[in-house]
Protein backbone atom coordinates (compact mmCIF):
# COMPACT_ATOMS: atom_id res chain seq x y z
CA MET A 1 -76.97 49.89 0.78
CA GLU A 2 -73.21 49.51 0.51
CA GLN A 3 -71.85 46.04 1.26
CA LYS A 4 -69.07 46.19 3.82
CA THR A 5 -65.99 44.01 3.70
CA LEU A 6 -64.51 42.14 6.63
CA LYS A 7 -61.74 44.77 6.64
CA THR A 8 -64.34 47.54 6.91
CA PHE A 9 -66.04 45.78 9.81
CA GLN A 10 -62.69 45.30 11.51
CA ASP A 11 -61.96 49.00 11.04
CA ASP A 12 -65.42 49.96 12.37
CA VAL A 13 -64.98 47.83 15.48
CA ASP A 14 -61.47 49.20 15.99
CA ALA A 15 -62.79 52.77 15.78
CA TYR A 16 -65.51 51.94 18.30
CA ILE A 17 -63.14 50.26 20.78
CA GLY A 18 -60.55 53.01 20.22
CA GLN A 19 -62.88 55.52 21.90
CA PHE A 20 -62.32 53.90 25.26
CA LYS A 21 -59.28 54.10 27.50
CA GLU A 22 -59.60 50.40 28.36
CA GLY A 23 -59.25 49.28 24.73
CA TYR A 24 -59.60 45.63 23.85
CA PHE A 25 -59.99 43.01 26.54
CA SER A 26 -57.19 40.47 26.91
CA PRO A 27 -57.31 37.36 24.70
CA LEU A 28 -58.32 35.31 27.72
CA ALA A 29 -61.22 37.65 28.56
CA LEU A 30 -62.27 37.70 24.89
CA THR A 31 -62.26 33.90 24.85
CA ALA A 32 -64.56 33.94 27.87
CA ARG A 33 -66.82 36.44 26.07
CA LEU A 34 -66.86 34.21 22.96
CA THR A 35 -67.95 31.31 25.14
CA GLU A 36 -70.65 33.44 26.75
CA GLU A 37 -71.98 34.66 23.39
CA LEU A 38 -71.90 31.15 21.95
CA GLY A 39 -73.99 29.98 24.92
CA GLU A 40 -76.51 32.74 24.23
CA LEU A 41 -76.66 31.71 20.56
CA ALA A 42 -77.18 28.09 21.58
CA ARG A 43 -80.01 29.13 23.88
CA GLU A 44 -81.78 31.01 21.08
CA ILE A 45 -81.30 28.11 18.66
CA ASN A 46 -82.81 25.82 21.28
CA HIS A 47 -85.78 28.18 21.75
CA TYR A 48 -86.50 28.49 18.03
CA TYR A 49 -85.61 25.01 16.77
CA GLY A 50 -85.40 22.78 19.82
CA GLU A 51 -87.67 21.45 22.49
CA LYS A 52 -86.93 24.11 25.10
CA LYS A 53 -89.29 27.00 24.42
CA LYS A 54 -88.93 30.46 25.94
CA LYS A 55 -90.54 31.30 29.26
CA PRO A 56 -93.14 34.05 28.98
CA THR A 57 -90.92 36.26 31.14
CA GLU A 58 -87.83 35.93 28.89
CA ALA A 59 -86.84 38.85 26.66
CA GLU A 60 -87.30 38.36 22.94
CA LYS A 61 -83.98 37.96 21.15
CA THR A 62 -83.17 36.56 17.74
CA VAL A 63 -80.63 34.16 16.33
CA GLU A 64 -79.52 37.04 14.07
CA GLU A 65 -78.83 39.26 17.09
CA GLU A 66 -76.86 36.54 18.85
CA LEU A 67 -74.81 35.78 15.71
CA GLY A 68 -74.05 39.51 15.49
CA ASP A 69 -72.88 39.55 19.11
CA LEU A 70 -70.66 36.53 18.47
CA LEU A 71 -69.22 38.10 15.31
CA PHE A 72 -68.47 41.34 17.16
CA VAL A 73 -66.41 39.46 19.75
CA VAL A 74 -64.63 37.46 17.01
CA ILE A 75 -63.69 40.76 15.34
CA CYS A 76 -62.49 42.16 18.68
CA MET A 77 -60.32 39.06 19.16
CA ALA A 78 -58.87 39.34 15.65
CA ASN A 79 -58.18 43.05 16.02
CA SER A 80 -56.55 42.64 19.41
CA LEU A 81 -54.23 39.98 17.95
CA HIS A 82 -53.63 41.92 14.69
CA ILE A 83 -55.25 39.23 12.54
CA ASP A 84 -56.75 40.09 9.15
CA LEU A 85 -60.00 38.11 9.14
CA GLY A 86 -60.25 38.27 5.34
CA GLN A 87 -56.88 36.57 5.04
CA ALA A 88 -57.73 34.10 7.80
CA LEU A 89 -60.96 33.12 6.03
CA THR A 90 -59.17 32.83 2.66
CA THR A 91 -56.63 30.48 4.24
CA VAL A 92 -59.39 28.32 5.75
CA LEU A 93 -61.37 28.18 2.50
CA ASP A 94 -58.23 27.14 0.61
CA LYS A 95 -57.67 24.40 3.18
CA PHE A 96 -61.22 23.09 2.81
CA GLN A 97 -61.02 23.20 -0.98
CA THR A 98 -57.88 21.05 -0.95
CA ARG A 99 -58.12 18.83 2.13
CA ASP A 100 -61.85 18.16 1.89
CA LYS A 101 -62.33 18.43 -1.89
CA ASP A 102 -63.54 14.81 -2.18
CA ARG A 103 -65.09 14.45 1.26
CA TRP A 104 -68.68 15.38 0.42
CA THR A 105 -71.03 14.32 -2.36
CA ARG A 106 -71.15 17.05 -5.00
CA LYS A 107 -74.41 18.19 -6.61
């Protein structure tokens, strides 16, 4: 199976959203969606790793599914704001490798 790049995922999401007249939601609405998806991820983490187990009537979801939902909305946000996520991640990794280079105990 071919490994996709962040750019490819951004293009795929853009092609999907481009089918619809409404297009991307506003940044404010996308921020609300990010919050909603993060809450759903937190709920699944709590079910799998915390003390709050699922009710028998609750639908089965996975942490993987919720991370995918969160990532989809992050990509929508980046696309709507014309942000290259590959470049954004490179910038953040460079920052961590300089600012935090001596912060943690190395193996």
